[in-house]
Protein backbone atom coordinates (compact mmCIF):
# COMPACT_ATOMS: atom_id res chain seq x y z
CA MET A 1 63.35 96.45 95.01
CA THR A 2 62.89 95.01 91.49
CA ALA A 3 65.64 93.88 89.10
CA THR A 4 65.42 92.85 85.46
CA ALA A 5 67.05 89.96 83.62
CA ASP A 6 66.87 88.35 80.19
CA ASP A 7 65.87 84.99 81.62
CA SER A 8 62.34 84.01 82.62
CA ALA A 9 61.07 84.72 86.11
CA SER A 10 62.94 82.78 88.80
CA PRO A 11 62.27 82.15 92.50
CA ALA A 12 62.96 84.89 94.98
CA ALA A 13 66.65 85.37 95.78
CA PRO A 14 68.16 86.81 98.98
CA ALA A 15 68.99 90.49 98.87
CA ALA A 16 72.09 92.11 100.39
CA GLY A 17 70.11 93.47 103.37
CA GLY A 18 68.67 90.12 104.32
CA GLY A 19 65.38 90.57 102.42
CA SER A 20 64.49 89.14 99.05
CA TYR A 21 63.69 90.40 95.59
CA ARG A 22 61.94 88.90 92.60
CA VAL A 23 63.69 88.61 89.22
CA VAL A 24 61.37 89.47 86.34
CA PRO A 25 62.04 89.15 82.60
CA VAL A 26 62.74 92.18 80.42
CA ARG A 27 59.65 93.45 78.63
CA HIS A 28 60.40 93.83 74.92
CA TRP A 29 57.53 96.19 74.16
CA GLY A 30 59.06 97.42 70.90
CA ARG A 31 59.43 93.88 69.59
CA TRP A 32 55.80 93.06 70.38
CA LEU A 33 54.62 96.30 68.79
CA ALA A 34 56.58 95.62 65.60
CA ALA A 35 55.20 92.08 65.43
CA ALA A 36 51.65 93.38 65.85
CA VAL A 37 52.13 95.94 63.06
CA VAL A 38 53.53 93.31 60.70
CA LEU A 39 50.69 90.87 61.44
CA GLY A 40 48.15 93.64 60.97
CA LEU A 41 49.56 94.66 57.60
CA LEU A 42 49.71 91.01 56.52
CA ALA A 43 46.07 90.49 57.50
CA VAL A 44 45.01 93.59 55.55
CA LEU A 45 46.95 92.41 52.48
CA VAL A 46 45.36 88.94 52.59
CA TRP A 47 41.91 90.45 53.01
CA GLN A 48 42.43 92.86 50.10
CA VAL A 49 43.56 90.03 47.80
CA ALA A 50 40.67 87.78 48.85
CA GLU A 51 38.10 90.57 48.49
CA HIS A 52 39.20 92.31 45.30
CA SER A 53 41.28 89.80 43.33
CA ILE A 54 39.84 88.88 39.92
CA LEU A 55 42.24 85.96 39.53
CA ARG A 56 40.43 82.72 38.70
CA TRP A 57 41.50 80.67 41.69
CA GLU A 58 39.40 77.70 40.56
CA ILE A 59 41.79 77.30 37.61
CA VAL A 60 44.75 77.35 40.01
CA ALA A 61 43.17 74.58 42.08
CA GLU A 62 42.15 72.57 39.02
CA ARG A 63 45.56 72.59 37.32
CA LEU A 64 47.79 72.41 40.37
CA PHE A 65 48.09 68.64 39.90
CA SER A 66 47.91 68.61 36.11
CA ARG A 67 49.93 65.92 34.30
CA SER A 68 51.60 68.57 32.14
CA ILE A 69 52.75 70.40 35.27
CA PHE A 70 54.23 67.19 36.68
CA ASN A 71 55.98 66.50 33.36
CA GLY A 72 57.50 69.98 33.46
CA MET A 73 58.51 69.47 37.09
CA ALA A 74 60.35 66.28 36.12
CA ILE A 75 62.31 68.21 33.47
CA THR A 76 63.10 70.94 36.01
CA LEU A 77 64.45 68.41 38.53
CA ALA A 78 66.45 66.62 35.82
CA LEU A 79 67.99 69.91 34.68
CA THR A 80 68.82 70.84 38.27
CA ALA A 81 70.46 67.49 39.03
CA SER A 82 72.45 67.23 35.79
CA SER A 83 73.60 70.85 35.90
CA MET A 84 74.70 70.53 39.52
CA VAL A 85 76.65 67.32 38.87
CA LEU A 86 78.36 68.79 35.81
CA GLY A 87 78.92 72.05 37.68
CA LEU A 88 80.59 70.22 40.58
CA ALA A 89 82.88 68.30 38.24
CA GLY A 90 83.79 71.37 36.21
CA GLY A 91 84.02 73.64 39.25
CA THR A 92 86.40 71.29 41.05
CA ALA A 93 88.67 71.12 38.00
CA LEU A 94 88.58 74.91 37.60
CA ALA A 95 89.33 75.47 41.30
CA VAL A 96 92.38 73.18 41.15
CA MET A 97 93.55 74.93 37.98
CA ARG A 98 93.06 78.32 39.65
CA LEU A 99 95.33 77.21 42.51
CA SER A 100 97.89 75.70 40.15
CA ALA A 101 101.39 77.14 39.79
CA SER A 102 101.02 77.02 36.00
CA PRO A 103 100.26 80.49 34.58
CA LEU A 104 98.47 78.88 31.62
CA LEU A 105 96.09 76.81 33.75
CA LYS A 106 95.54 79.67 36.17
CA GLY A 107 94.83 82.08 33.31
CA PHE A 108 92.41 79.70 31.59
CA SER A 109 90.50 79.10 34.82
CA GLY A 110 90.39 82.80 35.66
CA GLY A 111 89.19 83.69 32.17
CA PHE A 112 86.46 81.02 32.25
CA ILE A 113 85.18 82.21 35.61
CA TRP A 114 85.33 85.85 34.51
CA LEU A 115 83.35 85.12 31.33
CA PHE A 116 80.58 82.97 32.78
CA ARG A 117 80.14 84.98 35.96
CA GLY A 118 80.13 88.27 34.07
CA THR A 119 77.37 87.51 31.57
CA PRO A 120 73.67 86.86 32.29
CA ILE A 121 72.57 83.23 32.37
CA MET A 122 69.71 83.88 29.96
CA VAL A 123 72.14 85.24 27.38
CA GLN A 124 74.34 82.17 27.80
CA ILE A 125 71.36 79.85 27.31
CA LEU A 126 70.33 81.72 24.15
CA ILE A 127 73.88 81.52 22.78
CA TRP A 128 74.03 77.78 23.37
CA PHE A 129 70.63 77.38 21.69
CA ASN A 130 71.86 79.37 18.68
CA LEU A 131 75.38 77.93 18.65
CA GLY A 132 74.99 77.17 14.94
CA LEU A 133 75.28 80.90 14.23
CA PHE A 134 78.77 80.94 15.78
CA LEU A 135 79.96 77.40 15.03
CA PRO A 136 77.87 75.68 12.32
CA GLU A 137 79.85 72.45 12.45
CA VAL A 138 82.26 70.77 14.84
CA ASN A 139 84.94 68.53 13.33
CA LEU A 140 87.48 67.02 15.70
CA GLY A 141 88.76 64.42 13.26
CA PHE A 142 87.35 61.41 15.07
CA ILE A 143 83.91 63.00 15.42
CA ALA A 144 81.97 65.59 13.44
CA PHE A 145 78.44 66.91 13.85
CA ASN A 146 76.20 69.81 12.89
CA THR A 147 75.62 72.01 15.93
CA THR A 148 72.20 73.21 14.78
CA GLU A 149 70.93 69.63 14.70
CA ALA A 150 72.82 68.48 17.82
CA ILE A 151 71.89 71.32 20.18
CA ALA A 152 68.25 70.73 21.10
CA PRO A 153 66.48 73.06 23.58
CA LEU A 154 67.01 70.67 26.50
CA THR A 155 70.70 70.23 25.59
CA ALA A 156 71.21 73.98 25.34
CA ALA A 157 69.51 74.46 28.71
CA ALA A 158 71.70 71.85 30.42
CA LEU A 159 74.90 73.24 28.90
CA GLY A 160 74.05 76.84 29.76
CA LEU A 161 73.20 76.07 33.37
CA ALA A 162 76.13 73.65 33.86
CA PHE A 163 78.81 76.01 32.50
CA ASN A 164 77.49 78.91 34.53
CA GLU A 165 77.30 76.75 37.65
CA SER A 166 80.89 75.59 37.14
CA ALA A 167 82.13 79.17 37.43
CA TYR A 168 80.37 79.75 40.75
CA VAL A 169 81.20 76.34 42.20
CA ALA A 170 84.86 76.88 41.32
CA GLU A 171 85.01 79.98 43.51
CA ILE A 172 83.23 78.20 46.37
CA ILE A 173 85.64 75.25 46.26
CA ARG A 174 88.67 77.52 45.90
CA GLY A 175 87.58 79.47 48.98
CA GLY A 176 87.10 76.24 50.93
CA ILE A 177 90.54 74.94 49.95
CA ASN A 178 92.17 78.24 50.88
CA GLY A 179 90.45 78.04 54.26
CA VAL A 180 92.41 74.91 55.19
CA ASP A 181 95.52 75.63 57.22
CA SER A 182 98.62 75.59 55.01
CA GLY A 183 100.39 73.62 57.72
CA GLN A 184 98.33 70.60 56.69
CA THR A 185 99.84 70.69 53.20
CA GLU A 186 103.34 71.24 54.53
CA ALA A 187 102.98 68.26 56.86
CA CYS A 188 101.86 66.06 53.96
CA GLN A 189 104.80 67.18 51.85
CA ALA A 190 107.14 66.33 54.74
CA LEU A 191 105.64 62.81 54.76
CA GLY A 192 106.34 62.46 51.04
CA MET A 193 102.73 62.67 49.84
CA THR A 194 102.13 63.99 46.34
CA LYS A 195 100.09 67.14 45.77
CA ALA A 196 97.23 65.17 44.20
CA LEU A 197 97.12 62.74 47.13
CA THR A 198 97.29 65.60 49.63
CA LEU A 199 94.40 67.35 47.93
CA ARG A 200 92.26 64.22 47.75
CA ARG A 201 92.98 62.74 51.17
CA ILE A 202 93.66 65.73 53.41
CA VAL A 203 92.65 69.12 52.00
CA LEU A 204 89.29 68.44 50.33
CA PRO A 205 87.77 66.46 53.25
CA GLN A 206 88.56 69.35 55.60
CA ALA A 207 87.42 71.98 53.10
CA LEU A 208 84.11 70.16 52.74
CA ARG A 209 82.83 71.66 55.99
CA SER A 210 82.98 75.18 54.58
CA ILE A 211 82.04 74.16 51.03
CA VAL A 212 78.76 72.32 51.69
CA PRO A 213 76.64 75.23 53.08
CA PRO A 214 77.17 77.57 50.09
CA LEU A 215 76.77 74.62 47.73
CA GLY A 216 73.36 74.02 49.28
CA ASN A 217 72.44 77.61 48.52
CA GLU A 218 73.72 77.12 44.97
CA LEU A 219 71.45 74.10 44.51
CA VAL A 220 68.37 76.00 45.71
CA THR A 221 69.20 78.94 43.46
CA LEU A 222 69.92 76.64 40.51
CA LEU A 223 66.48 75.07 40.86
CA LYS A 224 64.86 78.48 40.44
CA GLU A 225 67.21 79.45 37.61
CA THR A 226 65.94 76.53 35.53
CA SER A 227 62.87 78.70 34.92
CA LEU A 228 65.05 80.82 32.59
CA VAL A 229 65.15 78.00 30.04
CA ALA A 230 61.51 78.77 29.28
CA VAL A 231 62.89 81.38 26.87
CA ILE A 232 63.89 78.51 24.53
CA GLY A 233 60.92 76.24 25.35
CA ALA A 234 62.90 73.46 27.01
CA GLY A 235 59.79 71.86 28.52
CA ASP A 236 60.49 72.80 32.14
CA LEU A 237 57.90 73.63 34.78
CA LEU A 238 57.52 77.27 33.76
CA THR A 239 57.37 76.38 30.05
CA MET A 240 54.53 73.92 30.60
CA ALA A 241 52.69 76.42 32.79
CA GLN A 242 52.96 79.05 30.05
CA ARG A 243 51.69 76.64 27.42
CA LEU A 244 48.64 75.73 29.49
CA GLY A 245 47.94 79.38 30.24
CA THR A 246 48.21 80.48 26.61
CA ALA A 247 45.43 78.15 25.50
CA ASP A 248 42.68 79.90 27.49
CA PHE A 249 44.30 83.20 28.51
CA SER A 250 45.02 82.03 32.05
CA ARG A 251 48.76 82.68 32.06
CA MET A 252 48.73 84.56 35.36
CA GLU A 253 46.86 81.73 37.05
CA MET A 254 49.43 79.28 35.70
CA TYR A 255 52.26 81.48 36.99
CA VAL A 256 50.71 81.08 40.44
CA VAL A 257 50.63 77.30 39.95
CA ALA A 258 54.30 77.27 38.93
CA SER A 259 55.23 79.48 41.88
CA ILE A 260 53.51 77.12 44.33
CA TRP A 261 55.51 74.16 43.06
CA TYR A 262 58.77 76.11 43.04
CA LEU A 263 58.11 76.97 46.69
CA VAL A 264 57.47 73.30 47.50
CA LEU A 265 60.64 72.12 45.74
CA THR A 266 62.89 74.79 47.23
CA SER A 267 61.48 74.10 50.70
CA VAL A 268 62.35 70.40 50.36
CA LEU A 269 65.88 71.23 49.19
CA THR A 270 66.30 73.75 52.02
CA ALA A 271 65.24 71.15 54.58
CA GLY A 272 67.77 68.71 53.12
CA GLN A 273 70.47 71.38 53.26
CA SER A 274 69.61 72.03 56.90
CA ALA A 275 69.96 68.32 57.75
CA VAL A 276 73.37 68.11 56.09
CA GLU A 277 74.59 71.27 57.83
CA LYS A 278 73.43 69.96 61.21
CA ARG A 279 75.42 66.79 60.65
CA LEU A 280 78.52 68.80 59.75
CA ALA A 281 77.92 71.08 62.75
CA ARG A 282 77.89 68.08 65.09
CA SER A 283 81.24 66.99 63.68
CA ARG A 284 82.58 70.45 64.53
CA GLY A 285 81.14 70.30 68.04
CA GLU A 286 78.51 73.02 67.51
CA THR A 287 75.24 72.94 69.41
CA ALA A 288 71.93 72.04 67.79
CA ALA A 289 70.67 75.61 68.30
CA GLU A 290 73.59 77.02 66.32
CA ALA A 291 73.04 74.49 63.55
CA ASP A 292 69.32 75.34 63.36
CA LYS A 293 70.18 78.86 62.21
CA SER A 294 71.33 77.42 58.88
CA PHE A 295 67.74 76.49 57.99
CA TRP A 296 66.56 80.09 58.09
CA ARG A 297 69.67 81.30 56.26
CA GLY A 298 68.93 78.78 53.53
CA LEU A 299 65.50 80.26 52.90
CA TRP A 300 67.14 83.38 51.43
CA PRO A 301 70.30 82.17 49.63
CA SER A 302 72.68 84.90 48.53
CA ARG A 303 74.66 84.81 45.33
CA GLY A 304 76.80 87.90 45.78
CA GLY A 305 75.61 89.83 42.77
CA LYS A 306 74.85 87.01 40.35
CA THR A 307 73.00 88.25 37.31
CA SER A 308 70.42 86.31 35.38
């Protein structure tokens, strides 16, 4: 008699009648067939590209480590870091305002999030770049400046990305705060702690466990969204690739170069996100296998309908 099990083959075990039977693993023939089909199709695709592509791969190899590409990469990383820091600061403030009992603060926060989540990022960047058409001059009494002169392409890019990021980060932080048991807040109030102290010392540290994973996805997505600032020539990685490609009609080759570096950068960020999530998982008592799943989830971050 033969039985099946999900585990690998094990030594013979005694049967009910005094004999023995051998446990064999389940044969997943459908899984192997699907894997073979996928590998076959992938091999055909690679062969077709290698055999019939007219792309000048020598240009890709030659300019992959170009100084202009590295300069653009530095701008991309600077935009990502500055926009994320400003987005975290603004998003935290907006989340607290959204949870406030004040109708004015709650309405302002809700309106901000509605506006910046509901319009494409590229449009927002273009509006910031052309802010002089809407507001030629800013005069606050103690400071006055001409917006056309003050808003350079890099400034417009940073403002557009940071404001948009604030709206998304605010919802992530608000969800994390709401995920903390309300009994924690009630206990702090019973001890005489103020709301600000309760939020800083008790609520936010606990909410961090559910906030960090989606924030990691936000950072990976933000890195790729910096490519949108090429529409105003902010000097990012994609902008520099386009400039190099325009000179000798090799724009498609330069798009491949830019894509390779975007893949490298997002892979590094994803690995960092995985390490942070594993550390948080250990603090929650999860196993290493469960924490490893976060790495593969991070490769395809989801934004829930974000438009760009």
